[in-house]
PDB file of all heavy atoms in Angstrom:
ATOM      1  N   ASP A   1     101.041 137.992  62.249  1.00  0.00           N
ATOM      2  CA  ASP A   1     100.397 138.790  63.220  1.00  0.00           C
ATOM      3  C   ASP A   1      99.283 137.903  63.907  1.00  0.00           C
ATOM      4  O   ASP A   1      98.066 137.936  63.251  1.00  0.00           O
ATOM      5  CB  ASP A   1      99.819 140.038  62.683  1.00  0.00           C
ATOM      6  CG  ASP A   1      99.196 140.915  63.658  1.00  0.00           C
ATOM      7  OD1 ASP A   1      99.177 140.607  64.855  1.00  0.00           O
ATOM      8  OD2 ASP A   1      98.741 142.084  63.353  1.00  0.00           O
ATOM      9  N   VAL A   2      99.500 136.984  64.771  1.00  0.00           N
ATOM     10  CA  VAL A   2      98.693 135.972  65.177  1.00  0.00           C
ATOM     11  C   VAL A   2      97.466 136.464  65.862  1.00  0.00           C
ATOM     12  O   VAL A   2      96.472 135.604  66.143  1.00  0.00           O
ATOM     13  CB  VAL A   2      99.404 135.020  66.161  1.00  0.00           C
ATOM     14  CG1 VAL A   2     100.558 134.243  65.369  1.00  0.00           C
ATOM     15  CG2 VAL A   2      99.899 135.652  67.368  1.00  0.00           C
ATOM     16  N   GLU A   3      97.353 137.827  66.201  1.00  0.00           N
ATOM     17  CA  GLU A   3      96.187 138.241  66.808  1.00  0.00           C
ATOM     18  C   GLU A   3      95.361 139.148  65.933  1.00  0.00           C
ATOM     19  O   GLU A   3      94.234 139.631  66.360  1.00  0.00           O
ATOM     20  CB  GLU A   3      96.515 139.053  68.098  1.00  0.00           C
ATOM     21  CG  GLU A   3      97.139 138.204  69.262  1.00  0.00           C
ATOM     22  CD  GLU A   3      97.534 138.993  70.516  1.00  0.00           C
ATOM     23  OE1 GLU A   3      97.280 140.247  70.447  1.00  0.00           O
ATOM     24  OE2 GLU A   3      97.969 138.371  71.372  1.00  0.00           O
ATOM     25  N   ALA A   4      95.705 139.286  64.609  1.00  0.00           N
ATOM     26  CA  ALA A   4      94.993 140.055  63.707  1.00  0.00           C
ATOM     27  C   ALA A   4      93.804 139.152  63.199  1.00  0.00           C
ATOM     28  O   ALA A   4      93.725 137.967  63.201  1.00  0.00           O
ATOM     29  CB  ALA A   4      95.825 140.250  62.513  1.00  0.00           C
ATOM     30  N   ASP A   5      92.753 139.931  62.764  1.00  0.00           N
ATOM     31  CA  ASP A   5      91.497 139.357  62.355  1.00  0.00           C
ATOM     32  C   ASP A   5      91.727 138.222  61.302  1.00  0.00           C
ATOM     33  O   ASP A   5      91.042 137.183  61.315  1.00  0.00           O
ATOM     34  CB  ASP A   5      90.467 140.442  62.014  1.00  0.00           C
ATOM     35  CG  ASP A   5      89.878 141.139  63.225  1.00  0.00           C
ATOM     36  OD1 ASP A   5      89.929 140.573  64.380  1.00  0.00           O
ATOM     37  OD2 ASP A   5      89.417 142.281  62.935  1.00  0.00           O
ATOM     38  N   PRO A   6      92.504 138.582  60.155  1.00  0.00           N
ATOM     39  CA  PRO A   6      92.643 137.635  59.126  1.00  0.00           C
ATOM     40  C   PRO A   6      93.256 136.228  59.618  1.00  0.00           C
ATOM     41  O   PRO A   6      92.862 135.174  59.247  1.00  0.00           O
ATOM     42  CB  PRO A   6      93.608 138.351  58.139  1.00  0.00           C
ATOM     43  CG  PRO A   6      93.304 139.799  58.385  1.00  0.00           C
ATOM     44  CD  PRO A   6      93.161 139.782  59.826  1.00  0.00           C
ATOM     45  N   ALA A   7      94.260 136.493  60.487  1.00  0.00           N
ATOM     46  CA  ALA A   7      94.921 135.151  61.027  1.00  0.00           C
ATOM     47  C   ALA A   7      93.871 134.425  61.810  1.00  0.00           C
ATOM     48  O   ALA A   7      93.911 133.157  61.777  1.00  0.00           O
ATOM     49  CB  ALA A   7      96.225 135.476  61.751  1.00  0.00           C
ATOM     50  N   LEU A   8      93.157 135.018  62.683  1.00  0.00           N
ATOM     51  CA  LEU A   8      92.244 134.380  63.575  1.00  0.00           C
ATOM     52  C   LEU A   8      91.133 133.716  62.787  1.00  0.00           C
ATOM     53  O   LEU A   8      90.647 132.682  63.147  1.00  0.00           O
ATOM     54  CB  LEU A   8      91.739 135.354  64.625  1.00  0.00           C
ATOM     55  CG  LEU A   8      92.681 135.790  65.708  1.00  0.00           C
ATOM     56  CD1 LEU A   8      92.121 136.932  66.529  1.00  0.00           C
ATOM     57  CD2 LEU A   8      93.246 134.667  66.501  1.00  0.00           C
ATOM     58  N   ALA A   9      90.651 134.446  61.710  1.00  0.00           N
ATOM     59  CA  ALA A   9      89.665 133.910  60.809  1.00  0.00           C
ATOM     60  C   ALA A   9      90.206 132.658  60.166  1.00  0.00           C
ATOM     61  O   ALA A   9      89.386 131.637  60.089  1.00  0.00           O
ATOM     62  CB  ALA A   9      89.211 134.889  59.874  1.00  0.00           C
ATOM     63  N   SER A  10      91.353 132.563  59.733  1.00  0.00           N
ATOM     64  CA  SER A  10      91.912 131.523  59.143  1.00  0.00           C
ATOM     65  C   SER A  10      92.027 130.229  60.050  1.00  0.00           C
ATOM     66  O   SER A  10      91.706 129.157  59.677  1.00  0.00           O
ATOM     67  CB  SER A  10      93.392 131.877  58.673  1.00  0.00           C
ATOM     68  OG  SER A  10      93.990 130.605  58.000  1.00  0.00           O
ATOM     69  N   VAL A  11      92.414 130.545  61.219  1.00  0.00           N
ATOM     70  CA  VAL A  11      92.362 129.372  62.367  1.00  0.00           C
ATOM     71  C   VAL A  11      91.042 128.944  62.561  1.00  0.00           C
ATOM     72  O   VAL A  11      90.881 127.676  62.592  1.00  0.00           O
ATOM     73  CB  VAL A  11      93.084 129.958  63.604  1.00  0.00           C
ATOM     74  CG1 VAL A  11      92.888 129.067  64.765  1.00  0.00           C
ATOM     75  CG2 VAL A  11      94.545 130.380  63.403  1.00  0.00           C
ATOM     76  N   ARG A  12      90.091 129.904  62.666  1.00  0.00           N
ATOM     77  CA  ARG A  12      88.696 129.377  62.970  1.00  0.00           C
ATOM     78  C   ARG A  12      88.183 128.479  61.852  1.00  0.00           C
ATOM     79  O   ARG A  12      87.569 127.460  61.985  1.00  0.00           O
ATOM     80  CB  ARG A  12      87.755 130.509  63.009  1.00  0.00           C
ATOM     81  CG  ARG A  12      87.774 131.216  64.489  1.00  0.00           C
ATOM     82  CD  ARG A  12      86.756 132.238  64.780  1.00  0.00           C
ATOM     83  NE  ARG A  12      86.883 133.373  63.899  1.00  0.00           N
ATOM     84  CZ  ARG A  12      87.746 134.502  64.338  1.00  0.00           C
ATOM     85  NH1 ARG A  12      88.257 134.438  65.372  1.00  0.00           N
ATOM     86  NH2 ARG A  12      87.823 135.511  63.555  1.00  0.00           N
ATOM     87  N   GLU A  13      88.547 128.835  60.475  1.00  0.00           N
ATOM     88  CA  GLU A  13      88.176 128.053  59.423  1.00  0.00           C
ATOM     89  C   GLU A  13      88.727 126.628  59.448  1.00  0.00           C
ATOM     90  O   GLU A  13      88.167 125.625  59.146  1.00  0.00           O
ATOM     91  CB  GLU A  13      88.455 128.736  58.195  1.00  0.00           C
ATOM     92  CG  GLU A  13      87.687 129.936  57.814  1.00  0.00           C
ATOM     93  CD  GLU A  13      88.121 130.801  56.682  1.00  0.00           C
ATOM     94  OE1 GLU A  13      88.956 130.250  55.737  1.00  0.00           O
ATOM     95  OE2 GLU A  13      87.848 131.872  56.488  1.00  0.00           O
ATOM     96  N   ARG A  14      90.066 126.592  59.791  1.00  0.00           N
ATOM     97  CA  ARG A  14      90.671 125.365  59.735  1.00  0.00           C
ATOM     98  C   ARG A  14      90.295 124.465  60.952  1.00  0.00           C
ATOM     99  O   ARG A  14      90.228 123.247  60.705  1.00  0.00           O
ATOM    100  CB  ARG A  14      92.349 125.521  59.834  1.00  0.00           C
ATOM    101  CG  ARG A  14      92.815 126.188  58.602  1.00  0.00           C
ATOM    102  CD  ARG A  14      94.338 126.388  58.516  1.00  0.00           C
ATOM    103  NE  ARG A  14      95.141 125.186  58.634  1.00  0.00           N
ATOM    104  CZ  ARG A  14      95.449 124.441  57.720  1.00  0.00           C
ATOM    105  NH1 ARG A  14      95.218 124.795  56.475  1.00  0.00           N
ATOM    106  NH2 ARG A  14      96.223 123.284  57.873  1.00  0.00           N
ATOM    107  N   ASN A  15      90.007 125.126  62.067  1.00  0.00           N
ATOM    108  CA  ASN A  15      89.462 124.419  63.116  1.00  0.00           C
ATOM    109  C   ASN A  15      88.079 123.810  62.814  1.00  0.00           C
ATOM    110  O   ASN A  15      87.854 122.657  63.205  1.00  0.00           O
ATOM    111  CB  ASN A  15      89.341 125.163  64.386  1.00  0.00           C
ATOM    112  CG  ASN A  15      90.622 125.471  65.009  1.00  0.00           C
ATOM    113  OD1 ASN A  15      91.731 124.883  64.763  1.00  0.00           O
ATOM    114  ND2 ASN A  15      90.726 126.459  65.878  1.00  0.00           N
ATOM    115  N   ALA A  16      87.265 124.528  62.141  1.00  0.00           N
ATOM    116  CA  ALA A  16      85.960 124.022  61.792  1.00  0.00           C
ATOM    117  C   ALA A  16      86.063 122.936  60.842  1.00  0.00           C
ATOM    118  O   ALA A  16      85.354 121.946  60.881  1.00  0.00           O
ATOM    119  CB  ALA A  16      85.070 125.120  61.087  1.00  0.00           C
ATOM    120  N   ALA A  17      86.906 122.935  59.844  1.00  0.00           N
ATOM    121  CA  ALA A  17      87.185 121.821  58.901  1.00  0.00           C
ATOM    122  C   ALA A  17      87.691 120.578  59.598  1.00  0.00           C
ATOM    123  O   ALA A  17      87.297 119.581  59.428  1.00  0.00           O
ATOM    124  CB  ALA A  17      88.311 122.298  57.728  1.00  0.00           C
ATOM    125  N   ALA A  18      88.602 120.877  60.625  1.00  0.00           N
ATOM    126  CA  ALA A  18      89.156 119.625  61.293  1.00  0.00           C
ATOM    127  C   ALA A  18      87.959 119.049  62.215  1.00  0.00           C
ATOM    128  O   ALA A  18      87.957 117.795  62.276  1.00  0.00           O
ATOM    129  CB  ALA A  18      90.295 120.081  62.242  1.00  0.00           C
ATOM    130  N   ARG A  19      87.163 119.807  62.758  1.00  0.00           N
ATOM    131  CA  ARG A  19      86.101 119.292  63.595  1.00  0.00           C
ATOM    132  C   ARG A  19      85.180 118.514  62.719  1.00  0.00           C
ATOM    133  O   ARG A  19      84.623 117.385  63.124  1.00  0.00           O
ATOM    134  CB  ARG A  19      85.370 120.486  64.312  1.00  0.00           C
ATOM    135  CG  ARG A  19      84.150 119.988  65.179  1.00  0.00           C
ATOM    136  CD  ARG A  19      83.568 121.088  65.980  1.00  0.00           C
ATOM    137  NE  ARG A  19      84.429 121.561  67.083  1.00  0.00           N
ATOM    138  CZ  ARG A  19      84.469 120.876  68.174  1.00  0.00           C
ATOM    139  NH1 ARG A  19      83.793 119.775  68.424  1.00  0.00           N
ATOM    140  NH2 ARG A  19      85.323 121.287  69.246  1.00  0.00           N
ATOM    141  N   ARG A  20      84.845 118.893  61.545  1.00  0.00           N
ATOM    142  CA  ARG A  20      83.894 118.219  60.695  1.00  0.00           C
ATOM    143  C   ARG A  20      84.517 116.935  60.343  1.00  0.00           C
ATOM    144  O   ARG A  20      83.709 115.895  60.440  1.00  0.00           O
ATOM    145  CB  ARG A  20      83.648 119.147  59.451  1.00  0.00           C
ATOM    146  CG  ARG A  20      82.699 120.293  59.575  1.00  0.00           C
ATOM    147  CD  ARG A  20      82.192 120.821  58.258  1.00  0.00           C
ATOM    148  NE  ARG A  20      83.345 121.286  57.537  1.00  0.00           N
ATOM    149  CZ  ARG A  20      83.868 122.624  57.579  1.00  0.00           C
ATOM    150  NH1 ARG A  20      83.362 123.395  58.483  1.00  0.00           N
ATOM    151  NH2 ARG A  20      84.788 123.014  56.853  1.00  0.00           N
ATOM    152  N   THR A  21      85.827 117.017  60.069  1.00  0.00           N
ATOM    153  CA  THR A  21      86.499 115.613  59.747  1.00  0.00           C
ATOM    154  C   THR A  21      86.397 114.650  60.906  1.00  0.00           C
ATOM    155  O   THR A  21      86.166 113.566  60.735  1.00  0.00           O
ATOM    156  CB  THR A  21      87.966 115.880  59.293  1.00  0.00           C
ATOM    157  OG1 THR A  21      87.851 116.678  58.104  1.00  0.00           O
ATOM    158  CG2 THR A  21      88.710 114.618  59.043  1.00  0.00           C
ATOM    159  N   LEU A  22      86.763 115.177  62.043  1.00  0.00           N
ATOM    160  CA  LEU A  22      86.765 114.288  63.275  1.00  0.00           C
ATOM    161  C   LEU A  22      85.342 113.771  63.647  1.00  0.00           C
ATOM    162  O   LEU A  22      85.080 112.667  63.820  1.00  0.00           O
ATOM    163  CB  LEU A  22      87.253 115.008  64.546  1.00  0.00           C
ATOM    164  CG  LEU A  22      88.790 115.424  64.596  1.00  0.00           C
ATOM    165  CD1 LEU A  22      89.071 116.310  65.664  1.00  0.00           C
ATOM    166  CD2 LEU A  22      89.535 113.990  64.701  1.00  0.00           C
ATOM    167  N   GLU A  23      84.356 114.697  63.503  1.00  0.00           N
ATOM    168  CA  GLU A  23      82.946 114.307  63.792  1.00  0.00           C
ATOM    169  C   GLU A  23      82.386 113.332  62.841  1.00  0.00           C
ATOM    170  O   GLU A  23      81.376 112.754  63.173  1.00  0.00           O
ATOM    171  CB  GLU A  23      82.061 115.519  64.140  1.00  0.00           C
ATOM    172  CG  GLU A  23      82.440 116.420  65.393  1.00  0.00           C
ATOM    173  CD  GLU A  23      81.806 117.675  65.501  1.00  0.00           C
ATOM    174  OE1 GLU A  23      81.096 118.089  64.470  1.00  0.00           O
ATOM    175  OE2 GLU A  23      81.790 118.085  66.609  1.00  0.00           O
ATOM    176  N   ALA A  24      82.903 113.319  61.643  1.00  0.00           N
ATOM    177  CA  ALA A  24      82.345 112.435  60.627  1.00  0.00           C
ATOM    178  C   ALA A  24      82.883 111.001  60.896  1.00  0.00           C
ATOM    179  O   ALA A  24      82.308 110.014  60.402  1.00  0.00           O
ATOM    180  CB  ALA A  24      82.896 112.864  59.293  1.00  0.00           C
ATOM    181  N   HIS A  25      83.954 110.843  61.799  1.00  0.00           N
ATOM    182  CA  HIS A  25      84.447 109.410  62.058  1.00  0.00           C
ATOM    183  C   HIS A  25      83.416 108.734  62.975  1.00  0.00           C
ATOM    184  O   HIS A  25      82.933 109.304  63.995  1.00  0.00           O
ATOM    185  CB  HIS A  25      85.767 109.490  62.856  1.00  0.00           C
ATOM    186  CG  HIS A  25      86.539 108.267  63.023  1.00  0.00           C
ATOM    187  ND1 HIS A  25      86.093 107.440  63.903  1.00  0.00           N
ATOM    188  CD2 HIS A  25      87.651 107.831  62.289  1.00  0.00           C
ATOM    189  CE1 HIS A  25      86.965 106.323  63.773  1.00  0.00           C
ATOM    190  NE2 HIS A  25      87.841 106.551  62.910  1.00  0.00           N
ATOM    191  N   PRO A  26      83.028 107.558  62.647  1.00  0.00           N
ATOM    192  CA  PRO A  26      81.989 106.832  63.341  1.00  0.00           C
ATOM    193  C   PRO A  26      82.316 106.520  64.832  1.00  0.00           C
ATOM    194  O   PRO A  26      81.336 106.489  65.689  1.00  0.00           O
ATOM    195  CB  PRO A  26      81.764 105.488  62.577  1.00  0.00           C
ATOM    196  CG  PRO A  26      82.996 105.449  61.779  1.00  0.00           C
ATOM    197  CD  PRO A  26      83.663 106.640  61.543  1.00  0.00           C
ATOM    198  N   GLN A  27      83.487 106.607  65.222  1.00  0.00           N
ATOM    199  CA  GLN A  27      83.837 106.343  66.646  1.00  0.00           C
ATOM    200  C   GLN A  27      84.192 107.670  67.353  1.00  0.00           C
ATOM    201  O   GLN A  27      84.596 107.572  68.554  1.00  0.00           O
ATOM    202  CB  GLN A  27      85.031 105.308  66.737  1.00  0.00           C
ATOM    203  CG  GLN A  27      84.564 103.958  66.197  1.00  0.00           C
ATOM    204  CD  GLN A  27      85.740 103.078  66.204  1.00  0.00           C
ATOM    205  OE1 GLN A  27      86.966 103.352  66.185  1.00  0.00           O
ATOM    206  NE2 GLN A  27      85.546 101.680  66.123  1.00  0.00           N
ATOM    207  N   PHE A  28      84.186 108.793  66.732  1.00  0.00           N
ATOM    208  CA  PHE A  28      84.521 109.867  67.411  1.00  0.00           C
ATOM    209  C   PHE A  28      83.793 110.314  68.580  1.00  0.00           C
ATOM    210  O   PHE A  28      84.487 110.593  69.707  1.00  0.00           O
ATOM    211  CB  PHE A  28      84.298 111.128  66.446  1.00  0.00           C
ATOM    212  CG  PHE A  28      84.506 112.481  67.076  1.00  0.00           C
ATOM    213  CD1 PHE A  28      85.826 112.958  67.285  1.00  0.00           C
ATOM    214  CD2 PHE A  28      83.473 113.291  67.536  1.00  0.00           C
ATOM    215  CE1 PHE A  28      86.067 114.127  67.945  1.00  0.00           C
ATOM    216  CE2 PHE A  28      83.770 114.456  68.125  1.00  0.00           C
ATOM    217  CZ  PHE A  28      85.040 114.970  68.305  1.00  0.00           C
TER     218      PHE A  28
END
């Protein structure tokens, strides 16, 4: 159920983790 709150919260969490990883790269 891709529009349900639990699925959307999971996507937001994974996006935040990916952003932190990318932004930690010195050339990002």
